[in-house]
PDB file of all heavy atoms in Angstrom:
ATOM      1  N   VAL A   1      10.752  21.203 -51.532  1.00  0.00           N
ATOM      2  CA  VAL A   1       9.963  20.184 -50.837  1.00  0.00           C
ATOM      3  C   VAL A   1       9.998  20.384 -49.327  1.00  0.00           C
ATOM      4  O   VAL A   1      10.969  20.906 -48.771  1.00  0.00           O
ATOM      5  CB  VAL A   1      10.501  18.768 -51.190  1.00  0.00           C
ATOM      6  CG1 VAL A   1      11.885  18.543 -50.600  1.00  0.00           C
ATOM      7  CG2 VAL A   1       9.541  17.677 -50.733  1.00  0.00           C
ATOM      8  N   TYR A   2       8.924  19.992 -48.649  1.00  0.00           N
ATOM      9  CA  TYR A   2       8.935  19.798 -47.187  1.00  0.00           C
ATOM     10  C   TYR A   2       8.437  18.385 -46.900  1.00  0.00           C
ATOM     11  O   TYR A   2       9.200  17.537 -46.512  1.00  0.00           O
ATOM     12  CB  TYR A   2       8.104  20.851 -46.463  1.00  0.00           C
ATOM     13  CG  TYR A   2       8.230  20.691 -44.950  1.00  0.00           C
ATOM     14  CD1 TYR A   2       9.409  21.063 -44.312  1.00  0.00           C
ATOM     15  CD2 TYR A   2       7.214  20.122 -44.194  1.00  0.00           C
ATOM     16  CE1 TYR A   2       9.554  20.878 -42.944  1.00  0.00           C
ATOM     17  CE2 TYR A   2       7.360  19.940 -42.829  1.00  0.00           C
ATOM     18  CZ  TYR A   2       8.529  20.320 -42.208  1.00  0.00           C
ATOM     19  OH  TYR A   2       8.690  20.131 -40.858  1.00  0.00           O
ATOM     20  N   GLY A   3       7.155  18.137 -47.074  1.00  0.00           N
ATOM     21  CA  GLY A   3       6.658  16.764 -47.019  1.00  0.00           C
ATOM     22  C   GLY A   3       6.306  16.234 -45.656  1.00  0.00           C
ATOM     23  O   GLY A   3       5.735  15.142 -45.543  1.00  0.00           O
ATOM     24  N   GLY A   4       6.662  16.972 -44.569  1.00  0.00           N
ATOM     25  CA  GLY A   4       6.378  16.494 -43.223  1.00  0.00           C
ATOM     26  C   GLY A   4       4.939  16.744 -42.806  1.00  0.00           C
ATOM     27  O   GLY A   4       4.254  17.599 -43.374  1.00  0.00           O
ATOM     28  N   PRO A   5       4.457  16.021 -41.797  1.00  0.00           N
ATOM     29  CA  PRO A   5       3.037  16.060 -41.431  1.00  0.00           C
ATOM     30  C   PRO A   5       2.516  17.412 -40.960  1.00  0.00           C
ATOM     31  O   PRO A   5       1.313  17.656 -41.018  1.00  0.00           O
ATOM     32  CB  PRO A   5       2.945  15.021 -40.305  1.00  0.00           C
ATOM     33  CG  PRO A   5       4.115  14.126 -40.502  1.00  0.00           C
ATOM     34  CD  PRO A   5       5.205  14.993 -41.045  1.00  0.00           C
ATOM     35  N   THR A   6       3.387  18.293 -40.480  1.00  0.00           N
ATOM     36  CA  THR A   6       2.906  19.492 -39.791  1.00  0.00           C
ATOM     37  C   THR A   6       2.878  20.752 -40.642  1.00  0.00           C
ATOM     38  O   THR A   6       2.550  21.826 -40.126  1.00  0.00           O
ATOM     39  CB  THR A   6       3.777  19.767 -38.547  1.00  0.00           C
ATOM     40  OG1 THR A   6       5.144  19.958 -38.963  1.00  0.00           O
ATOM     41  CG2 THR A   6       3.711  18.612 -37.570  1.00  0.00           C
ATOM     42  N   HIS A   7       3.193  20.652 -41.923  1.00  0.00           N
ATOM     43  CA  HIS A   7       3.314  21.885 -42.699  1.00  0.00           C
ATOM     44  C   HIS A   7       3.048  21.631 -44.175  1.00  0.00           C
ATOM     45  O   HIS A   7       3.600  20.700 -44.761  1.00  0.00           O
ATOM     46  CB  HIS A   7       4.722  22.471 -42.530  1.00  0.00           C
ATOM     47  CG  HIS A   7       4.952  23.742 -43.280  1.00  0.00           C
ATOM     48  ND1 HIS A   7       4.354  24.931 -42.943  1.00  0.00           N
ATOM     49  CD2 HIS A   7       5.707  24.005 -44.380  1.00  0.00           C
ATOM     50  CE1 HIS A   7       4.742  25.879 -43.786  1.00  0.00           C
ATOM     51  NE2 HIS A   7       5.558  25.342 -44.671  1.00  0.00           N
ATOM     52  N   ARG A   8       2.191  22.484 -44.767  1.00  0.00           N
ATOM     53  CA  ARG A   8       1.913  22.402 -46.200  1.00  0.00           C
ATOM     54  C   ARG A   8       2.785  23.403 -46.955  1.00  0.00           C
ATOM     55  O   ARG A   8       2.999  24.528 -46.503  1.00  0.00           O
ATOM     56  CB  ARG A   8       0.440  22.713 -46.496  1.00  0.00           C
ATOM     57  CG  ARG A   8      -0.525  21.678 -45.974  1.00  0.00           C
ATOM     58  CD  ARG A   8      -1.925  21.939 -46.497  1.00  0.00           C
ATOM     59  NE  ARG A   8      -2.055  21.584 -47.907  1.00  0.00           N
ATOM     60  CZ  ARG A   8      -2.360  20.371 -48.360  1.00  0.00           C
ATOM     61  NH1 ARG A   8      -2.564  19.389 -47.505  1.00  0.00           N
ATOM     62  NH2 ARG A   8      -2.466  20.144 -49.654  1.00  0.00           N
ATOM     63  N   MET A   9       3.245  23.009 -48.117  1.00  0.00           N
ATOM     64  CA  MET A   9       3.982  23.907 -48.998  1.00  0.00           C
ATOM     65  C   MET A   9       3.055  24.597 -49.988  1.00  0.00           C
ATOM     66  O   MET A   9       3.289  25.727 -50.400  1.00  0.00           O
ATOM     67  CB  MET A   9       5.043  23.131 -49.780  1.00  0.00           C
ATOM     68  CG  MET A   9       6.229  22.668 -48.962  1.00  0.00           C
ATOM     69  SD  MET A   9       7.335  24.024 -48.526  1.00  0.00           S
ATOM     70  CE  MET A   9       8.135  24.349 -50.095  1.00  0.00           C
ATOM     71  N   VAL A  10       1.998  23.902 -50.380  1.00  0.00           N
ATOM     72  CA  VAL A  10       1.126  24.395 -51.449  1.00  0.00           C
ATOM     73  C   VAL A  10      -0.004  25.220 -50.842  1.00  0.00           C
ATOM     74  O   VAL A  10      -1.120  24.727 -50.632  1.00  0.00           O
ATOM     75  CB  VAL A  10       0.585  23.235 -52.298  1.00  0.00           C
ATOM     76  CG1 VAL A  10      -0.206  23.766 -53.485  1.00  0.00           C
ATOM     77  CG2 VAL A  10       1.730  22.354 -52.787  1.00  0.00           C
ATOM     78  N   THR A  11       0.296  26.469 -50.536  1.00  0.00           N
ATOM     79  CA  THR A  11      -0.694  27.395 -50.003  1.00  0.00           C
ATOM     80  C   THR A  11      -0.611  28.713 -50.766  1.00  0.00           C
ATOM     81  O   THR A  11       0.469  29.107 -51.215  1.00  0.00           O
ATOM     82  CB  THR A  11      -0.478  27.668 -48.505  1.00  0.00           C
ATOM     83  OG1 THR A  11       0.820  28.257 -48.308  1.00  0.00           O
ATOM     84  CG2 THR A  11      -0.582  26.383 -47.693  1.00  0.00           C
ATOM     85  N   ASP A  12      -1.749  29.369 -50.894  1.00  0.00           N
ATOM     86  CA  ASP A  12      -1.792  30.664 -51.569  1.00  0.00           C
ATOM     87  C   ASP A  12      -1.488  31.747 -50.543  1.00  0.00           C
ATOM     88  O   ASP A  12      -2.379  32.453 -50.064  1.00  0.00           O
ATOM     89  CB  ASP A  12      -3.165  30.888 -52.210  1.00  0.00           C
ATOM     90  CG  ASP A  12      -3.164  32.071 -53.176  1.00  0.00           C
ATOM     91  OD1 ASP A  12      -2.080  32.633 -53.423  1.00  0.00           O
ATOM     92  OD2 ASP A  12      -4.251  32.424 -53.671  1.00  0.00           O
ATOM     93  N   SER A  13      -0.210  31.856 -50.209  1.00  0.00           N
ATOM     94  CA  SER A  13       0.229  32.798 -49.175  1.00  0.00           C
ATOM     95  C   SER A  13       1.620  33.308 -49.539  1.00  0.00           C
ATOM     96  O   SER A  13       2.291  32.767 -50.411  1.00  0.00           O
ATOM     97  CB  SER A  13       0.252  32.127 -47.800  1.00  0.00           C
ATOM     98  OG  SER A  13       1.131  31.012 -47.795  1.00  0.00           O
ATOM     99  N   TRP A  14       2.035  34.346 -48.820  1.00  0.00           N
ATOM    100  CA  TRP A  14       3.325  34.984 -49.065  1.00  0.00           C
ATOM    101  C   TRP A  14       4.309  34.551 -47.991  1.00  0.00           C
ATOM    102  O   TRP A  14       3.957  34.431 -46.814  1.00  0.00           O
ATOM    103  CB  TRP A  14       3.172  36.497 -49.039  1.00  0.00           C
ATOM    104  CG  TRP A  14       4.407  37.268 -49.397  1.00  0.00           C
ATOM    105  CD1 TRP A  14       5.471  37.517 -48.585  1.00  0.00           C
ATOM    106  CD2 TRP A  14       4.704  37.905 -50.648  1.00  0.00           C
ATOM    107  NE1 TRP A  14       6.426  38.260 -49.250  1.00  0.00           N
ATOM    108  CE2 TRP A  14       5.970  38.514 -50.519  1.00  0.00           C
ATOM    109  CE3 TRP A  14       4.012  38.027 -51.851  1.00  0.00           C
ATOM    110  CZ2 TRP A  14       6.560  39.231 -51.564  1.00  0.00           C
ATOM    111  CZ3 TRP A  14       4.599  38.730 -52.886  1.00  0.00           C
ATOM    112  CH2 TRP A  14       5.870  39.329 -52.732  1.00  0.00           C
ATOM    113  N   SER A  15       5.567  34.343 -48.393  1.00  0.00           N
ATOM    114  CA  SER A  15       6.617  34.041 -47.424  1.00  0.00           C
ATOM    115  C   SER A  15       7.963  34.353 -48.057  1.00  0.00           C
ATOM    116  O   SER A  15       8.074  34.489 -49.283  1.00  0.00           O
ATOM    117  CB  SER A  15       6.573  32.562 -47.003  1.00  0.00           C
ATOM    118  OG  SER A  15       6.923  31.731 -48.090  1.00  0.00           O
ATOM    119  N   ARG A  16       8.979  34.451 -47.217  1.00  0.00           N
ATOM    120  CA  ARG A  16      10.321  34.654 -47.759  1.00  0.00           C
ATOM    121  C   ARG A  16      10.757  33.454 -48.586  1.00  0.00           C
ATOM    122  O   ARG A  16      11.498  33.589 -49.556  1.00  0.00           O
ATOM    123  CB  ARG A  16      11.323  34.923 -46.637  1.00  0.00           C
ATOM    124  CG  ARG A  16      12.666  35.425 -47.144  1.00  0.00           C
ATOM    125  CD  ARG A  16      13.636  35.693 -46.019  1.00  0.00           C
ATOM    126  NE  ARG A  16      13.170  36.746 -45.149  1.00  0.00           N
ATOM    127  CZ  ARG A  16      13.816  37.123 -44.043  1.00  0.00           C
ATOM    128  NH1 ARG A  16      14.953  36.533 -43.714  1.00  0.00           N
ATOM    129  NH2 ARG A  16      13.341  38.078 -43.289  1.00  0.00           N
ATOM    130  N   ARG A  17      10.270  32.283 -48.204  1.00  0.00           N
ATOM    131  CA  ARG A  17      10.543  31.080 -49.002  1.00  0.00           C
ATOM    132  C   ARG A  17      10.077  31.284 -50.439  1.00  0.00           C
ATOM    133  O   ARG A  17      10.712  30.859 -51.401  1.00  0.00           O
ATOM    134  CB  ARG A  17       9.794  29.906 -48.368  1.00  0.00           C
ATOM    135  CG  ARG A  17       9.819  28.605 -49.154  1.00  0.00           C
ATOM    136  CD  ARG A  17       8.750  27.647 -48.648  1.00  0.00           C
ATOM    137  NE  ARG A  17       7.431  28.098 -49.042  1.00  0.00           N
ATOM    138  CZ  ARG A  17       6.337  27.925 -48.327  1.00  0.00           C
ATOM    139  NH1 ARG A  17       6.386  27.356 -47.157  1.00  0.00           N
ATOM    140  NH2 ARG A  17       5.167  28.340 -48.784  1.00  0.00           N
ATOM    141  N   MET A  18       8.935  31.977 -50.577  1.00  0.00           N
ATOM    142  CA  MET A  18       8.393  32.228 -51.900  1.00  0.00           C
ATOM    143  C   MET A  18       9.292  33.159 -52.711  1.00  0.00           C
ATOM    144  O   MET A  18       9.414  33.028 -53.932  1.00  0.00           O
ATOM    145  CB  MET A  18       6.999  32.840 -51.760  1.00  0.00           C
ATOM    146  CG  MET A  18       6.253  32.995 -53.055  1.00  0.00           C
ATOM    147  SD  MET A  18       5.056  34.308 -52.914  1.00  0.00           S
ATOM    148  CE  MET A  18       6.132  35.714 -52.747  1.00  0.00           C
ATOM    149  N   LEU A  19       9.951  34.101 -52.019  1.00  0.00           N
ATOM    150  CA  LEU A  19      10.864  34.999 -52.720  1.00  0.00           C
ATOM    151  C   LEU A  19      12.075  34.237 -53.251  1.00  0.00           C
ATOM    152  O   LEU A  19      12.590  34.551 -54.328  1.00  0.00           O
ATOM    153  CB  LEU A  19      11.305  36.133 -51.792  1.00  0.00           C
ATOM    154  CG  LEU A  19      10.248  37.198 -51.515  1.00  0.00           C
ATOM    155  CD1 LEU A  19      10.738  38.165 -50.453  1.00  0.00           C
ATOM    156  CD2 LEU A  19       9.886  37.955 -52.791  1.00  0.00           C
ATOM    157  N   VAL A  20      12.539  33.249 -52.500  1.00  0.00           N
ATOM    158  CA  VAL A  20      13.619  32.400 -53.009  1.00  0.00           C
ATOM    159  C   VAL A  20      13.153  31.659 -54.257  1.00  0.00           C
ATOM    160  O   VAL A  20      13.892  31.530 -55.248  1.00  0.00           O
ATOM    161  CB  VAL A  20      14.087  31.412 -51.925  1.00  0.00           C
ATOM    162  CG1 VAL A  20      15.054  30.383 -52.506  1.00  0.00           C
ATOM    163  CG2 VAL A  20      14.741  32.162 -50.769  1.00  0.00           C
ATOM    164  N   ASP A  21      11.908  31.194 -54.248  1.00  0.00           N
ATOM    165  CA  ASP A  21      11.360  30.532 -55.432  1.00  0.00           C
ATOM    166  C   ASP A  21      11.284  31.506 -56.613  1.00  0.00           C
ATOM    167  O   ASP A  21      11.536  31.126 -57.762  1.00  0.00           O
ATOM    168  CB  ASP A  21       9.976  29.968 -55.123  1.00  0.00           C
ATOM    169  CG  ASP A  21      10.033  28.815 -54.137  1.00  0.00           C
ATOM    170  OD1 ASP A  21      11.129  28.268 -53.918  1.00  0.00           O
ATOM    171  OD2 ASP A  21       8.979  28.461 -53.579  1.00  0.00           O
ATOM    172  N   GLN A  22      10.911  32.760 -56.334  1.00  0.00           N
ATOM    173  CA  GLN A  22      10.887  33.767 -57.389  1.00  0.00           C
ATOM    174  C   GLN A  22      12.287  33.952 -57.985  1.00  0.00           C
ATOM    175  O   GLN A  22      12.462  34.065 -59.204  1.00  0.00           O
ATOM    176  CB  GLN A  22      10.375  35.096 -56.833  1.00  0.00           C
ATOM    177  CG  GLN A  22       8.886  35.142 -56.556  1.00  0.00           C
ATOM    178  CD  GLN A  22       8.063  35.244 -57.822  1.00  0.00           C
ATOM    179  OE1 GLN A  22       8.471  35.849 -58.811  1.00  0.00           O
ATOM    180  NE2 GLN A  22       6.882  34.638 -57.803  1.00  0.00           N
ATOM    181  N   TYR A  23      13.273  33.984 -57.108  1.00  0.00           N
ATOM    182  CA  TYR A  23      14.660  34.140 -57.561  1.00  0.00           C
ATOM    183  C   TYR A  23      15.056  32.993 -58.490  1.00  0.00           C
ATOM    184  O   TYR A  23      15.645  33.213 -59.559  1.00  0.00           O
ATOM    185  CB  TYR A  23      15.582  34.191 -56.342  1.00  0.00           C
ATOM    186  CG  TYR A  23      17.051  34.098 -56.659  1.00  0.00           C
ATOM    187  CD1 TYR A  23      17.763  35.210 -57.109  1.00  0.00           C
ATOM    188  CD2 TYR A  23      17.742  32.891 -56.502  1.00  0.00           C
ATOM    189  CE1 TYR A  23      19.117  35.118 -57.406  1.00  0.00           C
ATOM    190  CE2 TYR A  23      19.088  32.796 -56.789  1.00  0.00           C
ATOM    191  CZ  TYR A  23      19.776  33.912 -57.241  1.00  0.00           C
ATOM    192  OH  TYR A  23      21.112  33.821 -57.532  1.00  0.00           O
ATOM    193  N   MET A  24      14.693  31.779 -58.083  1.00  0.00           N
ATOM    194  CA  MET A  24      15.068  30.625 -58.906  1.00  0.00           C
ATOM    195  C   MET A  24      14.330  30.632 -60.246  1.00  0.00           C
ATOM    196  O   MET A  24      14.906  30.284 -61.286  1.00  0.00           O
ATOM    197  CB  MET A  24      14.789  29.328 -58.140  1.00  0.00           C
ATOM    198  CG  MET A  24      15.604  29.178 -56.857  1.00  0.00           C
ATOM    199  SD  MET A  24      17.409  29.161 -57.127  1.00  0.00           S
ATOM    200  CE  MET A  24      17.636  27.500 -57.770  1.00  0.00           C
ATOM    201  N   ALA A  25      13.072  31.045 -60.246  1.00  0.00           N
ATOM    202  CA  ALA A  25      12.313  31.106 -61.499  1.00  0.00           C
ATOM    203  C   ALA A  25      12.932  32.123 -62.450  1.00  0.00           C
ATOM    204  O   ALA A  25      13.004  31.896 -63.663  1.00  0.00           O
ATOM    205  CB  ALA A  25      10.855  31.456 -61.206  1.00  0.00           C
ATOM    206  N   ARG A  26      13.391  33.236 -61.886  1.00  0.00           N
ATOM    207  CA  ARG A  26      13.992  34.260 -62.739  1.00  0.00           C
ATOM    208  C   ARG A  26      15.348  33.818 -63.289  1.00  0.00           C
ATOM    209  O   ARG A  26      15.836  34.379 -64.272  1.00  0.00           O
ATOM    210  CB  ARG A  26      14.137  35.566 -61.955  1.00  0.00           C
ATOM    211  CG  ARG A  26      12.790  36.191 -61.611  1.00  0.00           C
ATOM    212  CD  ARG A  26      12.956  37.406 -60.741  1.00  0.00           C
ATOM    213  NE  ARG A  26      11.677  37.846 -60.204  1.00  0.00           N
ATOM    214  CZ  ARG A  26      11.283  39.113 -60.166  1.00  0.00           C
ATOM    215  NH1 ARG A  26      12.058  40.060 -60.642  1.00  0.00           N
ATOM    216  NH2 ARG A  26      10.124  39.430 -59.637  1.00  0.00           N
ATOM    217  N   ARG A  27      15.952  32.826 -62.657  1.00  0.00           N
ATOM    218  CA  ARG A  27      17.230  32.311 -63.158  1.00  0.00           C
ATOM    219  C   ARG A  27      17.031  31.261 -64.250  1.00  0.00           C
ATOM    220  O   ARG A  27      18.003  30.770 -64.807  1.00  0.00           O
ATOM    221  CB  ARG A  27      18.056  31.709 -62.010  1.00  0.00           C
ATOM    222  CG  ARG A  27      18.577  32.757 -61.054  1.00  0.00           C
ATOM    223  CD  ARG A  27      19.560  32.169 -60.061  1.00  0.00           C
ATOM    224  NE  ARG A  27      20.765  31.651 -60.691  1.00  0.00           N
ATOM    225  CZ  ARG A  27      21.748  32.408 -61.184  1.00  0.00           C
ATOM    226  NH1 ARG A  27      21.655  33.719 -61.142  1.00  0.00           N
ATOM    227  NH2 ARG A  27      22.810  31.857 -61.727  1.00  0.00           N
ATOM    228  N   GLY A  28      15.780  30.907 -64.500  1.00  0.00           N
ATOM    229  CA  GLY A  28      15.524  29.971 -65.590  1.00  0.00           C
ATOM    230  C   GLY A  28      14.993  28.622 -65.155  1.00  0.00           C
ATOM    231  O   GLY A  28      14.915  27.692 -65.974  1.00  0.00           O
ATOM    232  N   TYR A  29      14.600  28.487 -63.887  1.00  0.00           N
ATOM    233  CA  TYR A  29      14.066  27.222 -63.383  1.00  0.00           C
ATOM    234  C   TYR A  29      12.538  27.219 -63.400  1.00  0.00           C
ATOM    235  O   TYR A  29      11.899  28.248 -63.149  1.00  0.00           O
ATOM    236  CB  TYR A  29      14.497  26.987 -61.935  1.00  0.00           C
ATOM    237  CG  TYR A  29      15.956  26.711 -61.719  1.00  0.00           C
ATOM    238  CD1 TYR A  29      16.846  27.743 -61.450  1.00  0.00           C
ATOM    239  CD2 TYR A  29      16.445  25.406 -61.747  1.00  0.00           C
ATOM    240  CE1 TYR A  29      18.189  27.498 -61.222  1.00  0.00           C
ATOM    241  CE2 TYR A  29      17.792  25.143 -61.518  1.00  0.00           C
ATOM    242  CZ  TYR A  29      18.662  26.190 -61.249  1.00  0.00           C
ATOM    243  OH  TYR A  29      19.985  25.943 -61.023  1.00  0.00           O
ATOM    244  N   LEU A  30      11.965  26.066 -63.642  1.00  0.00           N
ATOM    245  CA  LEU A  30      10.594  25.800 -63.231  1.00  0.00           C
ATOM    246  C   LEU A  30      10.659  25.480 -61.743  1.00  0.00           C
ATOM    247  O   LEU A  30      11.510  24.690 -61.304  1.00  0.00           O
ATOM    248  CB  LEU A  30      10.016  24.603 -63.984  1.00  0.00           C
ATOM    249  CG  LEU A  30       9.663  24.795 -65.452  1.00  0.00           C
ATOM    250  CD1 LEU A  30       9.655  23.449 -66.161  1.00  0.00           C
ATOM    251  CD2 LEU A  30       8.310  25.481 -65.573  1.00  0.00           C
ATOM    252  N   VAL A  31       9.782  26.085 -60.945  1.00  0.00           N
ATOM    253  CA  VAL A  31       9.765  25.837 -59.504  1.00  0.00           C
ATOM    254  C   VAL A  31       8.499  25.052 -59.187  1.00  0.00           C
ATOM    255  O   VAL A  31       7.386  25.467 -59.553  1.00  0.00           O
ATOM    256  CB  VAL A  31       9.801  27.149 -58.707  1.00  0.00           C
ATOM    257  CG1 VAL A  31       9.749  26.866 -57.212  1.00  0.00           C
ATOM    258  CG2 VAL A  31      11.059  27.946 -59.055  1.00  0.00           C
ATOM    259  N   PHE A  32       8.658  23.938 -58.482  1.00  0.00           N
ATOM    260  CA  PHE A  32       7.544  23.011 -58.270  1.00  0.00           C
ATOM    261  C   PHE A  32       7.532  22.544 -56.819  1.00  0.00           C
ATOM    262  O   PHE A  32       8.585  22.240 -56.246  1.00  0.00           O
ATOM    263  CB  PHE A  32       7.706  21.804 -59.203  1.00  0.00           C
ATOM    264  CG  PHE A  32       6.607  20.784 -59.136  1.00  0.00           C
ATOM    265  CD1 PHE A  32       5.410  20.981 -59.804  1.00  0.00           C
ATOM    266  CD2 PHE A  32       6.784  19.616 -58.408  1.00  0.00           C
ATOM    267  CE1 PHE A  32       4.406  20.015 -59.751  1.00  0.00           C
ATOM    268  CE2 PHE A  32       5.792  18.644 -58.346  1.00  0.00           C
ATOM    269  CZ  PHE A  32       4.594  18.852 -59.026  1.00  0.00           C
ATOM    270  N   SER A  33       6.349  22.501 -56.223  1.00  0.00           N
ATOM    271  CA  SER A  33       6.166  21.916 -54.889  1.00  0.00           C
ATOM    272  C   SER A  33       4.908  21.068 -54.901  1.00  0.00           C
ATOM    273  O   SER A  33       3.919  21.418 -55.569  1.00  0.00           O
ATOM    274  CB  SER A  33       6.033  23.000 -53.812  1.00  0.00           C
ATOM    275  OG  SER A  33       7.226  23.719 -53.651  1.00  0.00           O
TER     276      SER A  33
END
């Protein structure tokens, strides 16, 4: 989550944050924002 006025999480873009999400998904989590 972020949720603050100045930044969207739900974008079709690449970031290191996304790689952390990939890591969590591979560990068995559903990842949701």
